[in-house]
Amino acid sequence: YEAFVIFELFCGAVKRFDDRVSIDSLKALHFDDSIVNEIMSNFKLCCRYMEGHIHSDKFLAAKPQLKHLQEEADRFDTLRPKLDKIKKEHGKK
């Protein structure tokens, strides 16, 4: 999700570990609340399986099963076509 946000949603305007923003890249940006909310929701679901995150006792990191990983991959795979459609509707590449 981090790479998707950096390269797809932010169109390279903001790079990880870079102290500068590519101002010229801002013209390619378009934010749509629906895709932002979906990314945030999906990322929260992924965090359940990340052992490096600090979880409360109620939400201890769970070992994912293969079906959970497939469900997550399927959710992620729907993002690019949705973002492409949003960009096309707003005349952006």
N, C-alpha and C. Protein backbone atom coordinates (compact mmCIF):
# COMPACT_ATOMS: atom_id res chain seq x y z
N TYR A 1 0.81 -1.20 0.00
CA TYR A 1 0.00 0.00 0.00
C TYR A 1 0.86 1.26 0.00
N GLU A 2 1.99 1.23 0.68
CA GLU A 2 2.85 2.41 0.71
C GLU A 2 3.33 2.76 -0.69
N ALA A 3 3.78 1.76 -1.44
CA ALA A 3 4.25 2.01 -2.81
C ALA A 3 3.11 2.49 -3.69
N PHE A 4 1.92 1.94 -3.51
CA PHE A 4 0.76 2.37 -4.29
C PHE A 4 0.46 3.85 -4.03
N VAL A 5 0.51 4.25 -2.77
CA VAL A 5 0.25 5.65 -2.43
C VAL A 5 1.33 6.55 -3.02
N ILE A 6 2.60 6.18 -2.86
CA ILE A 6 3.70 7.01 -3.35
C ILE A 6 3.67 7.14 -4.87
N PHE A 7 3.56 6.03 -5.58
CA PHE A 7 3.72 6.05 -7.03
C PHE A 7 2.43 6.21 -7.81
N GLU A 8 1.32 5.72 -7.28
CA GLU A 8 0.06 5.78 -8.02
C GLU A 8 -0.80 6.96 -7.57
N LEU A 9 -1.08 7.05 -6.28
CA LEU A 9 -1.94 8.11 -5.78
C LEU A 9 -1.24 9.46 -5.79
N PHE A 10 0.01 9.50 -5.32
CA PHE A 10 0.77 10.75 -5.29
C PHE A 10 1.56 11.00 -6.56
N CYS A 11 1.51 10.06 -7.51
CA CYS A 11 2.17 10.21 -8.82
C CYS A 11 3.63 10.62 -8.70
N GLY A 12 4.32 10.13 -7.69
CA GLY A 12 5.73 10.42 -7.51
C GLY A 12 6.03 11.81 -6.98
N ALA A 13 5.00 12.59 -6.63
CA ALA A 13 5.23 13.95 -6.12
C ALA A 13 5.92 13.92 -4.76
N VAL A 14 5.62 12.91 -3.98
CA VAL A 14 6.24 12.73 -2.67
C VAL A 14 6.93 11.38 -2.67
N LYS A 15 8.21 11.39 -2.40
CA LYS A 15 8.96 10.14 -2.41
C LYS A 15 9.36 9.78 -0.98
N ARG A 16 9.43 8.51 -0.73
CA ARG A 16 9.81 8.03 0.58
C ARG A 16 11.26 8.41 0.87
N PHE A 17 11.52 8.87 2.06
CA PHE A 17 12.86 9.25 2.53
C PHE A 17 13.45 10.42 1.75
N ASP A 18 12.63 11.19 1.06
CA ASP A 18 13.12 12.35 0.33
C ASP A 18 12.59 13.59 1.03
N ASP A 19 13.43 14.59 1.17
CA ASP A 19 13.02 15.78 1.91
C ASP A 19 12.37 16.82 1.00
N ARG A 20 12.19 16.50 -0.27
CA ARG A 20 11.59 17.45 -1.19
C ARG A 20 10.34 16.87 -1.84
N VAL A 21 9.46 17.77 -2.25
CA VAL A 21 8.26 17.40 -2.99
C VAL A 21 8.46 17.85 -4.43
N SER A 22 8.09 17.02 -5.37
CA SER A 22 8.18 17.38 -6.78
C SER A 22 6.96 18.22 -7.14
N ILE A 23 7.13 19.53 -7.09
CA ILE A 23 6.01 20.44 -7.31
C ILE A 23 5.39 20.23 -8.69
N ASP A 24 6.20 20.02 -9.70
CA ASP A 24 5.67 19.81 -11.06
C ASP A 24 4.77 18.58 -11.14
N SER A 25 4.99 17.62 -10.28
CA SER A 25 4.18 16.40 -10.29
C SER A 25 2.79 16.62 -9.69
N LEU A 26 2.61 17.71 -8.98
CA LEU A 26 1.32 17.94 -8.32
C LEU A 26 0.17 18.05 -9.31
N LYS A 27 0.44 18.49 -10.53
CA LYS A 27 -0.63 18.63 -11.52
C LYS A 27 -1.26 17.28 -11.88
N ALA A 28 -0.54 16.20 -11.64
CA ALA A 28 -1.06 14.86 -11.96
C ALA A 28 -1.92 14.29 -10.83
N LEU A 29 -1.96 14.97 -9.69
CA LEU A 29 -2.68 14.43 -8.55
C LEU A 29 -4.18 14.69 -8.65
N HIS A 30 -4.92 13.74 -8.18
CA HIS A 30 -6.36 13.92 -7.98
C HIS A 30 -6.75 13.02 -6.83
N PHE A 31 -7.32 13.61 -5.82
CA PHE A 31 -7.74 12.82 -4.67
C PHE A 31 -9.24 12.61 -4.73
N ASP A 32 -9.60 11.42 -4.46
CA ASP A 32 -11.00 11.05 -4.39
C ASP A 32 -11.18 10.35 -3.05
N ASP A 33 -12.11 10.85 -2.26
CA ASP A 33 -12.29 10.29 -0.92
C ASP A 33 -12.55 8.80 -0.92
N SER A 34 -13.24 8.30 -1.93
CA SER A 34 -13.58 6.88 -1.93
C SER A 34 -12.33 6.01 -2.01
N ILE A 35 -11.37 6.38 -2.85
CA ILE A 35 -10.16 5.55 -2.98
C ILE A 35 -9.26 5.73 -1.77
N VAL A 36 -9.19 6.95 -1.24
CA VAL A 36 -8.39 7.19 -0.04
C VAL A 36 -8.95 6.38 1.12
N ASN A 37 -10.26 6.39 1.29
CA ASN A 37 -10.88 5.63 2.38
C ASN A 37 -10.67 4.13 2.20
N GLU A 38 -10.72 3.66 0.97
CA GLU A 38 -10.50 2.23 0.71
C GLU A 38 -9.06 1.83 1.04
N ILE A 39 -8.10 2.66 0.65
CA ILE A 39 -6.70 2.38 0.96
C ILE A 39 -6.50 2.33 2.47
N MET A 40 -7.06 3.31 3.17
CA MET A 40 -6.89 3.35 4.63
C MET A 40 -7.53 2.13 5.29
N SER A 41 -8.70 1.77 4.85
CA SER A 41 -9.39 0.61 5.41
C SER A 41 -8.62 -0.67 5.15
N ASN A 42 -8.16 -0.85 3.92
CA ASN A 42 -7.41 -2.06 3.57
C ASN A 42 -6.09 -2.14 4.33
N PHE A 43 -5.41 -1.00 4.47
CA PHE A 43 -4.14 -1.00 5.18
C PHE A 43 -4.34 -1.37 6.65
N LYS A 44 -5.42 -0.88 7.25
CA LYS A 44 -5.72 -1.24 8.64
C LYS A 44 -5.91 -2.75 8.77
N LEU A 45 -6.57 -3.35 7.79
CA LEU A 45 -6.76 -4.80 7.82
C LEU A 45 -5.42 -5.52 7.73
N CYS A 46 -4.52 -5.01 6.89
CA CYS A 46 -3.19 -5.62 6.75
C CYS A 46 -2.40 -5.54 8.05
N CYS A 47 -2.58 -4.46 8.77
CA CYS A 47 -1.81 -4.25 10.00
C CYS A 47 -2.04 -5.36 11.02
N ARG A 48 -3.16 -6.05 10.91
CA ARG A 48 -3.42 -7.15 11.84
C ARG A 48 -2.35 -8.22 11.74
N TYR A 49 -1.74 -8.34 10.56
CA TYR A 49 -0.79 -9.41 10.32
C TYR A 49 0.66 -8.97 10.43
N MET A 50 0.90 -7.72 10.75
CA MET A 50 2.26 -7.20 10.82
C MET A 50 2.78 -7.31 12.25
N GLU A 51 3.71 -8.19 12.46
CA GLU A 51 4.23 -8.43 13.81
C GLU A 51 4.98 -7.23 14.36
N GLY A 52 5.53 -6.39 13.50
CA GLY A 52 6.28 -5.23 13.96
C GLY A 52 5.41 -4.13 14.53
N HIS A 53 4.10 -4.21 14.31
CA HIS A 53 3.19 -3.22 14.86
C HIS A 53 2.86 -3.60 16.30
N ILE A 54 2.65 -2.60 17.12
CA ILE A 54 2.28 -2.85 18.51
C ILE A 54 0.76 -2.97 18.57
N HIS A 55 0.29 -4.11 18.99
CA HIS A 55 -1.14 -4.38 19.07
C HIS A 55 -1.56 -4.43 20.53
N SER A 56 -2.81 -4.05 20.79
CA SER A 56 -3.34 -4.23 22.13
C SER A 56 -3.57 -5.72 22.34
N ASP A 57 -3.75 -6.12 23.58
CA ASP A 57 -3.99 -7.54 23.86
C ASP A 57 -5.22 -8.05 23.11
N LYS A 58 -6.19 -7.16 22.93
CA LYS A 58 -7.42 -7.56 22.25
C LYS A 58 -7.18 -7.87 20.78
N PHE A 59 -6.19 -7.18 20.19
CA PHE A 59 -5.93 -7.34 18.76
C PHE A 59 -4.50 -7.79 18.51
N LEU A 60 -4.08 -8.85 19.17
CA LEU A 60 -2.73 -9.36 18.97
C LEU A 60 -2.52 -9.75 17.51
N ALA A 61 -1.31 -9.60 17.04
CA ALA A 61 -1.00 -9.96 15.66
C ALA A 61 -1.36 -11.42 15.43
N ALA A 62 -2.10 -11.65 14.37
CA ALA A 62 -2.54 -13.01 14.04
C ALA A 62 -1.75 -13.51 12.84
N LYS A 63 -1.43 -14.76 12.87
CA LYS A 63 -0.77 -15.37 11.71
C LYS A 63 -1.81 -15.50 10.60
N PRO A 64 -1.53 -14.92 9.44
CA PRO A 64 -2.52 -15.00 8.37
C PRO A 64 -2.57 -16.40 7.77
N GLN A 65 -3.75 -16.77 7.37
CA GLN A 65 -3.92 -18.01 6.64
C GLN A 65 -3.87 -17.67 5.15
N LEU A 66 -3.62 -18.65 4.33
CA LEU A 66 -3.50 -18.44 2.89
C LEU A 66 -4.72 -17.73 2.33
N LYS A 67 -5.90 -18.09 2.80
CA LYS A 67 -7.12 -17.46 2.27
C LYS A 67 -7.16 -15.98 2.62
N HIS A 68 -6.62 -15.60 3.80
CA HIS A 68 -6.58 -14.18 4.18
C HIS A 68 -5.63 -13.41 3.27
N LEU A 69 -4.49 -14.00 2.97
CA LEU A 69 -3.53 -13.35 2.08
C LEU A 69 -4.12 -13.19 0.67
N GLN A 70 -4.84 -14.20 0.20
CA GLN A 70 -5.47 -14.11 -1.12
C GLN A 70 -6.54 -13.03 -1.13
N GLU A 71 -7.34 -12.95 -0.06
CA GLU A 71 -8.36 -11.91 0.03
C GLU A 71 -7.72 -10.53 -0.02
N GLU A 72 -6.60 -10.38 0.69
CA GLU A 72 -5.90 -9.09 0.70
C GLU A 72 -5.33 -8.76 -0.67
N ALA A 73 -4.73 -9.74 -1.33
CA ALA A 73 -4.19 -9.53 -2.68
C ALA A 73 -5.31 -9.13 -3.64
N ASP A 74 -6.46 -9.77 -3.51
CA ASP A 74 -7.60 -9.44 -4.37
C ASP A 74 -8.08 -8.02 -4.12
N ARG A 75 -8.16 -7.62 -2.84
CA ARG A 75 -8.56 -6.24 -2.51
C ARG A 75 -7.58 -5.24 -3.11
N PHE A 76 -6.28 -5.52 -2.95
CA PHE A 76 -5.26 -4.62 -3.47
C PHE A 76 -5.34 -4.52 -5.00
N ASP A 77 -5.56 -5.64 -5.66
CA ASP A 77 -5.60 -5.66 -7.12
C ASP A 77 -6.76 -4.84 -7.70
N THR A 78 -7.76 -4.53 -6.90
CA THR A 78 -8.88 -3.72 -7.40
C THR A 78 -8.57 -2.23 -7.37
N LEU A 79 -7.51 -1.83 -6.66
CA LEU A 79 -7.24 -0.40 -6.49
C LEU A 79 -6.79 0.30 -7.77
N ARG A 80 -5.85 -0.26 -8.49
CA ARG A 80 -5.31 0.42 -9.68
C ARG A 80 -6.40 0.69 -10.72
N PRO A 81 -7.25 -0.29 -11.07
CA PRO A 81 -8.32 0.03 -12.03
C PRO A 81 -9.26 1.13 -11.52
N LYS A 82 -9.53 1.13 -10.23
CA LYS A 82 -10.40 2.18 -9.67
C LYS A 82 -9.73 3.55 -9.79
N LEU A 83 -8.44 3.62 -9.46
CA LEU A 83 -7.72 4.89 -9.55
C LEU A 83 -7.59 5.32 -11.01
N ASP A 84 -7.33 4.38 -11.92
CA ASP A 84 -7.25 4.71 -13.34
C ASP A 84 -8.57 5.31 -13.84
N LYS A 85 -9.68 4.74 -13.39
CA LYS A 85 -11.00 5.25 -13.78
C LYS A 85 -11.20 6.67 -13.26
N ILE A 86 -10.82 6.91 -12.01
CA ILE A 86 -10.96 8.24 -11.42
C ILE A 86 -10.11 9.25 -12.20
N LYS A 87 -8.87 8.87 -12.51
CA LYS A 87 -7.99 9.77 -13.26
C LYS A 87 -8.56 10.05 -14.65
N LYS A 88 -9.09 9.03 -15.30
CA LYS A 88 -9.65 9.19 -16.64
C LYS A 88 -10.85 10.14 -16.61
N GLU A 89 -11.69 9.99 -15.58
CA GLU A 89 -12.86 10.85 -15.44
C GLU A 89 -12.46 12.32 -15.26
N HIS A 90 -11.26 12.54 -14.74
CA HIS A 90 -10.80 13.91 -14.49
C HIS A 90 -9.73 14.34 -15.49
N GLY A 91 -9.57 13.57 -16.57
CA GLY A 91 -8.65 13.94 -17.64
C GLY A 91 -7.19 13.87 -17.26
N LYS A 92 -6.84 12.98 -16.33
CA LYS A 92 -5.44 12.84 -15.91
C LYS A 92 -4.93 11.49 -16.36
N LYS A 93 -3.61 11.43 -16.58
CA LYS A 93 -2.99 10.17 -17.00
C LYS A 93 -2.52 9.37 -15.82
